[in-house]
């Protein structure tokens, strides 16, 4: 079994990527999560959710070219927010 085939390695990559992206986001937007505005908090949480999606997409598609990964990520951006959430639920149901 190659390094790319190990489930633990993929999860570790997801966590590492999300941690790095989230840290950079929080350095710039920490006040949004702790602020009094529910709208700002909701936008910040959506941004973190998008970063989590990107982390998973990148970690799970190491076998694809950078162009193919970009296309996958941008296809999620094109979805309406409620469609993106439904798609994530579908992925969970399918074990992915």
Protein backbone atom coordinates (compact mmCIF):
# COMPACT_ATOMS: atom_id res chain seq x y z
CA UNK A 1 0.00 0.00 0.00
CA UNK A 2 1.49 3.34 -1.04
CA UNK A 3 1.66 6.47 1.06
CA UNK A 4 -1.20 8.00 -0.93
CA UNK A 5 -3.46 5.05 -0.17
CA UNK A 6 -3.26 5.24 3.62
CA UNK A 7 -6.50 6.62 5.14
CA UNK A 8 -4.71 8.01 8.19
CA UNK A 9 -2.35 9.96 5.94
CA UNK A 10 -5.27 11.62 4.13
CA UNK A 11 -6.91 12.62 7.40
CA UNK A 12 -3.61 13.95 8.70
CA UNK A 13 -3.19 15.98 5.51
CA UNK A 14 -6.72 17.38 5.85
CA UNK A 15 -6.04 18.48 9.42
CA UNK A 16 -2.66 19.99 8.57
CA UNK A 17 -4.02 21.94 5.60
CA UNK A 18 -7.07 23.18 7.50
CA UNK A 19 -4.95 24.20 10.47
CA UNK A 20 -2.65 26.24 8.24
CA UNK A 21 -5.46 27.89 6.29
CA UNK A 22 -7.59 28.56 9.37
CA UNK A 23 -4.65 30.07 11.26
CA UNK A 24 -4.01 32.53 8.44
CA UNK A 25 -7.72 33.39 8.25
CA UNK A 26 -8.02 33.88 12.00
CA UNK A 27 -4.97 36.13 12.14
CA UNK A 28 -6.88 38.51 9.90
CA UNK A 29 -10.47 37.92 11.04
CA UNK A 30 -10.44 36.78 14.66
CA UNK A 31 -12.75 39.62 15.69
CA UNK A 32 -15.46 38.36 13.38
CA UNK A 33 -15.89 35.13 15.34
CA UNK A 34 -15.96 36.81 18.73
CA UNK A 35 -17.89 39.90 17.71
CA UNK A 36 -21.44 40.84 18.61
CA UNK A 37 -22.73 40.79 15.05
CA UNK A 38 -24.46 37.48 14.21
CA UNK A 39 -24.01 38.23 10.51
CA UNK A 40 -20.24 38.69 10.85
CA UNK A 41 -19.97 35.49 12.91
CA UNK A 42 -22.00 33.60 10.32
CA UNK A 43 -19.77 34.87 7.48
CA UNK A 44 -16.66 33.89 9.43
CA UNK A 45 -18.03 30.40 10.12
CA UNK A 46 -18.95 29.99 6.45
CA UNK A 47 -15.41 31.03 5.52
CA UNK A 48 -13.98 28.43 7.91
CA UNK A 49 -16.32 25.82 6.42
CA UNK A 50 -15.09 26.74 2.95
CA UNK A 51 -11.49 26.41 4.14
CA UNK A 52 -12.33 22.96 5.52
CA UNK A 53 -13.81 21.99 2.15
CA UNK A 54 -10.71 23.18 0.31
CA UNK A 55 -8.47 21.30 2.75
CA UNK A 56 -10.40 18.08 2.15
CA UNK A 57 -10.52 18.59 -1.61
CA UNK A 58 -6.77 19.10 -1.80
CA UNK A 59 -5.90 16.24 0.56
CA UNK A 60 -8.30 13.81 -1.11
CA UNK A 61 -7.21 14.53 -4.68
CA UNK A 62 -3.43 14.21 -4.50
CA UNK A 63 -3.59 11.97 -7.54
CA UNK A 64 -5.17 14.75 -9.65
CA UNK A 65 -3.38 17.56 -11.39
CA UNK A 66 -3.48 21.02 -9.77
CA UNK A 67 -5.79 22.12 -12.59
CA UNK A 68 -8.27 19.32 -11.80
CA UNK A 69 -8.20 20.17 -8.08
CA UNK A 70 -8.81 23.84 -8.90
CA UNK A 71 -11.80 22.83 -11.02
CA UNK A 72 -13.21 20.72 -8.16
CA UNK A 73 -12.88 23.57 -5.67
CA UNK A 74 -14.34 26.16 -8.05
CA UNK A 75 -17.29 23.88 -8.82
CA UNK A 76 -18.21 24.03 -5.13
CA UNK A 77 -18.00 27.84 -5.21
CA UNK A 78 -20.45 27.89 -8.11
CA UNK A 79 -23.08 26.04 -6.06
CA UNK A 80 -25.63 27.97 -4.08
CA UNK A 81 -24.97 27.78 -0.29
CA UNK A 82 -27.88 25.42 0.34
CA UNK A 83 -26.81 23.19 -2.55
CA UNK A 84 -23.25 23.09 -1.19
CA UNK A 85 -24.56 21.92 2.20
CA UNK A 86 -26.72 19.25 0.55
CA UNK A 87 -23.74 18.11 -1.48
CA UNK A 88 -21.67 17.79 1.69
CA UNK A 89 -24.42 15.73 3.29
CA UNK A 90 -24.48 13.50 0.20
CA UNK A 91 -20.71 13.02 0.50
CA UNK A 92 -21.12 12.03 4.15
CA UNK A 93 -23.83 9.52 3.25
CA UNK A 94 -21.59 8.02 0.58
CA UNK A 95 -18.69 7.68 3.01
CA UNK A 96 -16.60 10.40 1.30
